[in-house]
Amino acid sequence: MKTQEQLKYVTRRRAAVLLGLSEMELSRISSESGLGHKEVAGEQEETYFTYEELRQICMLAVHQVH
């Protein structure tokens, strides 16, 4: 069972699917905007997003298209 804390964050892969972006495009927007946070465990690195950050990224992506 997932804890409340785990439900607050979305992985980069899941965020890309939810937003309809490629992981590469999401990484670019994340890097440029400073949204998301990285967790490093050994040699593995994962980026996590809050739902508020996903909303902000969605708005940025829409404005880039127009």
PDB file of N, CA and C in Angstrom:
ATOM      1  N   MET A   1       0.840  -1.174   0.000  1.00  0.00           N
ATOM      2  CA  MET A   1       0.000   0.000   0.000  1.00  0.00           C
ATOM      3  C   MET A   1       0.889   1.242   0.000  1.00  0.00           C
ATOM      4  N   LYS A   2       0.517   2.217  -0.803  1.00  0.00           N
ATOM      5  CA  LYS A   2       1.305   3.441  -0.891  1.00  0.00           C
ATOM      6  C   LYS A   2       0.958   4.369   0.265  1.00  0.00           C
ATOM      7  N   THR A   3       1.981   5.027   0.764  1.00  0.00           N
ATOM      8  CA  THR A   3       1.763   5.994   1.838  1.00  0.00           C
ATOM      9  C   THR A   3       1.299   7.315   1.248  1.00  0.00           C
ATOM     10  N   GLN A   4       0.783   8.196   2.073  1.00  0.00           N
ATOM     11  CA  GLN A   4       0.349   9.516   1.627  1.00  0.00           C
ATOM     12  C   GLN A   4       1.500  10.277   0.982  1.00  0.00           C
ATOM     13  N   GLU A   5       2.703  10.150   1.523  1.00  0.00           N
ATOM     14  CA  GLU A   5       3.873  10.844   0.989  1.00  0.00           C
ATOM     15  C   GLU A   5       4.172  10.381  -0.434  1.00  0.00           C
ATOM     16  N   GLN A   6       4.068   9.105  -0.709  1.00  0.00           N
ATOM     17  CA  GLN A   6       4.331   8.579  -2.047  1.00  0.00           C
ATOM     18  C   GLN A   6       3.303   9.069  -3.062  1.00  0.00           C
ATOM     19  N   LEU A   7       2.087   9.347  -2.617  1.00  0.00           N
ATOM     20  CA  LEU A   7       1.043   9.792  -3.523  1.00  0.00           C
ATOM     21  C   LEU A   7       1.200  11.260  -3.920  1.00  0.00           C
ATOM     22  N   LYS A   8       2.086  11.996  -3.254  1.00  0.00           N
ATOM     23  CA  LYS A   8       2.286  13.409  -3.551  1.00  0.00           C
ATOM     24  C   LYS A   8       3.238  13.633  -4.712  1.00  0.00           C
ATOM     25  N   TYR A   9       3.995  12.611  -5.095  1.00  0.00           N
ATOM     26  CA  TYR A   9       5.032  12.762  -6.105  1.00  0.00           C
ATOM     27  C   TYR A   9       4.838  11.789  -7.259  1.00  0.00           C
ATOM     28  N   VAL A  10       5.295  12.229  -8.438  1.00  0.00           N
ATOM     29  CA  VAL A  10       5.191  11.421  -9.645  1.00  0.00           C
ATOM     30  C   VAL A  10       6.587  11.313 -10.254  1.00  0.00           C
ATOM     31  N   THR A  11       6.958  10.129 -10.720  1.00  0.00           N
ATOM     32  CA  THR A  11       8.262   9.951 -11.369  1.00  0.00           C
ATOM     33  C   THR A  11       8.274  10.636 -12.725  1.00  0.00           C
ATOM     34  N   ARG A  12       9.462  10.849 -13.277  1.00  0.00           N
ATOM     35  CA  ARG A  12       9.606  11.502 -14.585  1.00  0.00           C
ATOM     36  C   ARG A  12       8.853  10.722 -15.651  1.00  0.00           C
ATOM     37  N   ARG A  13       8.970   9.422 -15.652  1.00  0.00           N
ATOM     38  CA  ARG A  13       8.290   8.600 -16.665  1.00  0.00           C
ATOM     39  C   ARG A  13       6.774   8.762 -16.577  1.00  0.00           C
ATOM     40  N   ARG A  14       6.241   8.676 -15.381  1.00  0.00           N
ATOM     41  CA  ARG A  14       4.795   8.811 -15.198  1.00  0.00           C
ATOM     42  C   ARG A  14       4.328  10.222 -15.542  1.00  0.00           C
ATOM     43  N   ALA A  15       5.131  11.225 -15.154  1.00  0.00           N
ATOM     44  CA  ALA A  15       4.792  12.614 -15.467  1.00  0.00           C
ATOM     45  C   ALA A  15       4.739  12.826 -16.980  1.00  0.00           C
ATOM     46  N   ALA A  16       5.687  12.259 -17.699  1.00  0.00           N
ATOM     47  CA  ALA A  16       5.713  12.388 -19.157  1.00  0.00           C
ATOM     48  C   ALA A  16       4.458  11.787 -19.774  1.00  0.00           C
ATOM     49  N   VAL A  17       4.055  10.637 -19.280  1.00  0.00           N
ATOM     50  CA  VAL A  17       2.845   9.991 -19.796  1.00  0.00           C
ATOM     51  C   VAL A  17       1.617  10.847 -19.495  1.00  0.00           C
ATOM     52  N   LEU A  18       1.511  11.340 -18.281  1.00  0.00           N
ATOM     53  CA  LEU A  18       0.361  12.159 -17.894  1.00  0.00           C
ATOM     54  C   LEU A  18       0.264  13.438 -18.721  1.00  0.00           C
ATOM     55  N   LEU A  19       1.406  14.018 -19.048  1.00  0.00           N
ATOM     56  CA  LEU A  19       1.424  15.281 -19.783  1.00  0.00           C
ATOM     57  C   LEU A  19       1.452  15.088 -21.301  1.00  0.00           C
ATOM     58  N   GLY A  20       1.652  13.847 -21.755  1.00  0.00           N
ATOM     59  CA  GLY A  20       1.712  13.592 -23.186  1.00  0.00           C
ATOM     60  C   GLY A  20       2.998  14.122 -23.817  1.00  0.00           C
ATOM     61  N   LEU A  21       4.079  14.133 -23.037  1.00  0.00           N
ATOM     62  CA  LEU A  21       5.386  14.592 -23.511  1.00  0.00           C
ATOM     63  C   LEU A  21       6.354  13.419 -23.520  1.00  0.00           C
ATOM     64  N   SER A  22       7.411  13.552 -24.307  1.00  0.00           N
ATOM     65  CA  SER A  22       8.477  12.562 -24.211  1.00  0.00           C
ATOM     66  C   SER A  22       9.267  12.856 -22.934  1.00  0.00           C
ATOM     67  N   GLU A  23       9.960  11.857 -22.422  1.00  0.00           N
ATOM     68  CA  GLU A  23      10.780  12.078 -21.229  1.00  0.00           C
ATOM     69  C   GLU A  23      11.867  13.113 -21.514  1.00  0.00           C
ATOM     70  N   MET A  24      12.379  13.110 -22.743  1.00  0.00           N
ATOM     71  CA  MET A  24      13.415  14.068 -23.110  1.00  0.00           C
ATOM     72  C   MET A  24      12.863  15.504 -23.064  1.00  0.00           C
ATOM     73  N   GLU A  25      11.676  15.707 -23.610  1.00  0.00           N
ATOM     74  CA  GLU A  25      11.058  17.032 -23.608  1.00  0.00           C
ATOM     75  C   GLU A  25      10.731  17.471 -22.179  1.00  0.00           C
ATOM     76  N   LEU A  26      10.220  16.562 -21.379  1.00  0.00           N
ATOM     77  CA  LEU A  26       9.931  16.876 -19.982  1.00  0.00           C
ATOM     78  C   LEU A  26      11.206  17.243 -19.238  1.00  0.00           C
ATOM     79  N   SER A  27      12.276  16.521 -19.481  1.00  0.00           N
ATOM     80  CA  SER A  27      13.561  16.825 -18.838  1.00  0.00           C
ATOM     81  C   SER A  27      14.058  18.206 -19.240  1.00  0.00           C
ATOM     82  N   ARG A  28      13.879  18.557 -20.506  1.00  0.00           N
ATOM     83  CA  ARG A  28      14.299  19.874 -20.983  1.00  0.00           C
ATOM     84  C   ARG A  28      13.518  20.985 -20.289  1.00  0.00           C
ATOM     85  N   ILE A  29      12.201  20.839 -20.254  1.00  0.00           N
ATOM     86  CA  ILE A  29      11.355  21.849 -19.612  1.00  0.00           C
ATOM     87  C   ILE A  29      11.683  21.928 -18.124  1.00  0.00           C
ATOM     88  N   SER A  30      11.861  20.781 -17.494  1.00  0.00           N
ATOM     89  CA  SER A  30      12.189  20.735 -16.067  1.00  0.00           C
ATOM     90  C   SER A  30      13.501  21.454 -15.797  1.00  0.00           C
ATOM     91  N   SER A  31      14.497  21.197 -16.619  1.00  0.00           N
ATOM     92  CA  SER A  31      15.808  21.811 -16.449  1.00  0.00           C
ATOM     93  C   SER A  31      15.736  23.326 -16.634  1.00  0.00           C
ATOM     94  N   GLU A  32      15.033  23.771 -17.666  1.00  0.00           N
ATOM     95  CA  GLU A  32      14.919  25.196 -17.956  1.00  0.00           C
ATOM     96  C   GLU A  32      14.110  25.945 -16.911  1.00  0.00           C
ATOM     97  N   SER A  33      13.103  25.285 -16.346  1.00  0.00           N
ATOM     98  CA  SER A  33      12.208  25.955 -15.405  1.00  0.00           C
ATOM     99  C   SER A  33      12.606  25.765 -13.943  1.00  0.00           C
ATOM    100  N   GLY A  34      13.436  24.762 -13.685  1.00  0.00           N
ATOM    101  CA  GLY A  34      13.814  24.481 -12.299  1.00  0.00           C
ATOM    102  C   GLY A  34      12.758  23.690 -11.544  1.00  0.00           C
ATOM    103  N   LEU A  35      11.781  23.149 -12.260  1.00  0.00           N
ATOM    104  CA  LEU A  35      10.726  22.367 -11.615  1.00  0.00           C
ATOM    105  C   LEU A  35      11.144  20.912 -11.482  1.00  0.00           C
ATOM    106  N   GLY A  36      10.664  20.252 -10.441  1.00  0.00           N
ATOM    107  CA  GLY A  36      11.032  18.869 -10.165  1.00  0.00           C
ATOM    108  C   GLY A  36      12.231  18.825  -9.237  1.00  0.00           C
ATOM    109  N   HIS A  37      12.436  17.690  -8.624  1.00  0.00           N
ATOM    110  CA  HIS A  37      13.631  17.532  -7.778  1.00  0.00           C
ATOM    111  C   HIS A  37      14.215  16.147  -8.000  1.00  0.00           C
ATOM    112  N   LYS A  38      15.531  16.099  -7.957  1.00  0.00           N
ATOM    113  CA  LYS A  38      16.250  14.856  -8.220  1.00  0.00           C
ATOM    114  C   LYS A  38      16.628  14.172  -6.922  1.00  0.00           C
ATOM    115  N   GLU A  39      16.503  12.864  -6.942  1.00  0.00           N
ATOM    116  CA  GLU A  39      16.935  12.010  -5.844  1.00  0.00           C
ATOM    117  C   GLU A  39      18.007  11.085  -6.403  1.00  0.00           C
ATOM    118  N   VAL A  40      19.121  10.970  -5.691  1.00  0.00           N
ATOM    119  CA  VAL A  40      20.210  10.113  -6.123  1.00  0.00           C
ATOM    120  C   VAL A  40      20.416   9.020  -5.088  1.00  0.00           C
ATOM    121  N   ALA A  41      20.442   7.780  -5.563  1.00  0.00           N
ATOM    122  CA  ALA A  41      20.713   6.624  -4.702  1.00  0.00           C
ATOM    123  C   ALA A  41      21.790   5.799  -5.395  1.00  0.00           C
ATOM    124  N   GLY A  42      23.004   5.909  -4.895  1.00  0.00           N
ATOM    125  CA  GLY A  42      24.110   5.214  -5.546  1.00  0.00           C
ATOM    126  C   GLY A  42      24.348   5.818  -6.910  1.00  0.00           C
ATOM    127  N   GLU A  43      24.279   5.001  -7.932  1.00  0.00           N
ATOM    128  CA  GLU A  43      24.470   5.489  -9.293  1.00  0.00           C
ATOM    129  C   GLU A  43      23.153   5.789 -10.001  1.00  0.00           C
ATOM    130  N   GLN A  44      22.040   5.536  -9.334  1.00  0.00           N
ATOM    131  CA  GLN A  44      20.736   5.780  -9.944  1.00  0.00           C
ATOM    132  C   GLN A  44      20.228   7.161  -9.558  1.00  0.00           C
ATOM    133  N   GLU A  45      19.628   7.821 -10.529  1.00  0.00           N
ATOM    134  CA  GLU A  45      19.065   9.149 -10.316  1.00  0.00           C
ATOM    135  C   GLU A  45      17.644   9.157 -10.853  1.00  0.00           C
ATOM    136  N   GLU A  46      16.720   9.740 -10.106  1.00  0.00           N
ATOM    137  CA  GLU A  46      15.326   9.834 -10.537  1.00  0.00           C
ATOM    138  C   GLU A  46      14.828  11.240 -10.233  1.00  0.00           C
ATOM    139  N   THR A  47      14.020  11.773 -11.125  1.00  0.00           N
ATOM    140  CA  THR A  47      13.409  13.075 -10.933  1.00  0.00           C
ATOM    141  C   THR A  47      11.950  12.866 -10.548  1.00  0.00           C
ATOM    142  N   TYR A  48      11.508  13.595  -9.532  1.00  0.00           N
ATOM    143  CA  TYR A  48      10.131  13.519  -9.056  1.00  0.00           C
ATOM    144  C   TYR A  48       9.465  14.878  -9.195  1.00  0.00           C
ATOM    145  N   PHE A  49       8.158  14.858  -9.424  1.00  0.00           N
ATOM    146  CA  PHE A  49       7.373  16.069  -9.575  1.00  0.00           C
ATOM    147  C   PHE A  49       6.154  16.014  -8.672  1.00  0.00           C
ATOM    148  N   THR A  50       5.783  17.169  -8.130  1.00  0.00           N
ATOM    149  CA  THR A  50       4.508  17.270  -7.417  1.00  0.00           C
ATOM    150  C   THR A  50       3.432  17.521  -8.473  1.00  0.00           C
ATOM    151  N   TYR A  51       2.184  17.357  -8.094  1.00  0.00           N
ATOM    152  CA  TYR A  51       1.104  17.623  -9.034  1.00  0.00           C
ATOM    153  C   TYR A  51       1.037  19.104  -9.382  1.00  0.00           C
ATOM    154  N   GLU A  52       1.395  19.973  -8.462  1.00  0.00           N
ATOM    155  CA  GLU A  52       1.452  21.407  -8.750  1.00  0.00           C
ATOM    156  C   GLU A  52       2.539  21.694  -9.793  1.00  0.00           C
ATOM    157  N   GLU A  53       3.675  21.031  -9.679  1.00  0.00           N
ATOM    158  CA  GLU A  53       4.735  21.201 -10.679  1.00  0.00           C
ATOM    159  C   GLU A  53       4.274  20.696 -12.046  1.00  0.00           C
ATOM    160  N   LEU A  54       3.513  19.614 -12.069  1.00  0.00           N
ATOM    161  CA  LEU A  54       2.978  19.108 -13.337  1.00  0.00           C
ATOM    162  C   LEU A  54       2.044  20.135 -13.971  1.00  0.00           C
ATOM    163  N   ARG A  55       1.247  20.781 -13.155  1.00  0.00           N
ATOM    164  CA  ARG A  55       0.345  21.822 -13.664  1.00  0.00           C
ATOM    165  C   ARG A  55       1.152  22.964 -14.280  1.00  0.00           C
ATOM    166  N   GLN A  56       2.214  23.371 -13.585  1.00  0.00           N
ATOM    167  CA  GLN A  56       3.055  24.456 -14.084  1.00  0.00           C
ATOM    168  C   GLN A  56       3.758  24.057 -15.387  1.00  0.00           C
ATOM    169  N   ILE A  57       4.239  22.825 -15.459  1.00  0.00           N
ATOM    170  CA  ILE A  57       4.893  22.342 -16.671  1.00  0.00           C
ATOM    171  C   ILE A  57       3.896  22.300 -17.822  1.00  0.00           C
ATOM    172  N   CYS A  58       2.688  21.884 -17.539  1.00  0.00           N
ATOM    173  CA  CYS A  58       1.636  21.846 -18.557  1.00  0.00           C
ATOM    174  C   CYS A  58       1.413  23.251 -19.116  1.00  0.00           C
ATOM    175  N   MET A  59       1.339  24.243 -18.246  1.00  0.00           N
ATOM    176  CA  MET A  59       1.143  25.620 -18.686  1.00  0.00           C
ATOM    177  C   MET A  59       2.334  26.098 -19.515  1.00  0.00           C
ATOM    178  N   LEU A  60       3.545  25.751 -19.107  1.00  0.00           N
ATOM    179  CA  LEU A  60       4.737  26.131 -19.874  1.00  0.00           C
ATOM    180  C   LEU A  60       4.736  25.475 -21.253  1.00  0.00           C
ATOM    181  N   ALA A  61       4.368  24.213 -21.309  1.00  0.00           N
ATOM    182  CA  ALA A  61       4.347  23.473 -22.578  1.00  0.00           C
ATOM    183  C   ALA A  61       3.311  24.083 -23.525  1.00  0.00           C
ATOM    184  N   VAL A  62       2.178  24.464 -23.002  1.00  0.00           N
ATOM    185  CA  VAL A  62       1.118  25.058 -23.832  1.00  0.00           C
ATOM    186  C   VAL A  62       1.591  26.396 -24.383  1.00  0.00           C
ATOM    187  N   HIS A  63       2.241  27.202 -23.558  1.00  0.00           N
ATOM    188  CA  HIS A  63       2.706  28.515 -24.004  1.00  0.00           C
ATOM    189  C   HIS A  63       3.834  28.398 -25.025  1.00  0.00           C
ATOM    190  N   GLN A  64       4.621  27.337 -24.962  1.00  0.00           N
ATOM    191  CA  GLN A  64       5.713  27.147 -25.932  1.00  0.00           C
ATOM    192  C   GLN A  64       5.154  26.788 -27.305  1.00  0.00           C
ATOM    193  N   VAL A  65       4.009  26.114 -27.330  1.00  0.00           N
ATOM    194  CA  VAL A  65       3.408  25.683 -28.593  1.00  0.00           C
ATOM    195  C   VAL A  65       2.774  26.861 -29.314  1.00  0.00           C
ATOM    196  N   HIS A  66       2.199  27.790 -28.535  1.00  0.00           N
ATOM    197  CA  HIS A  66       1.480  28.931 -29.142  1.00  0.00           C
ATOM    198  C   HIS A  66       2.390  30.070 -29.419  1.00  0.00           C
TER     199      HIS A  66
END
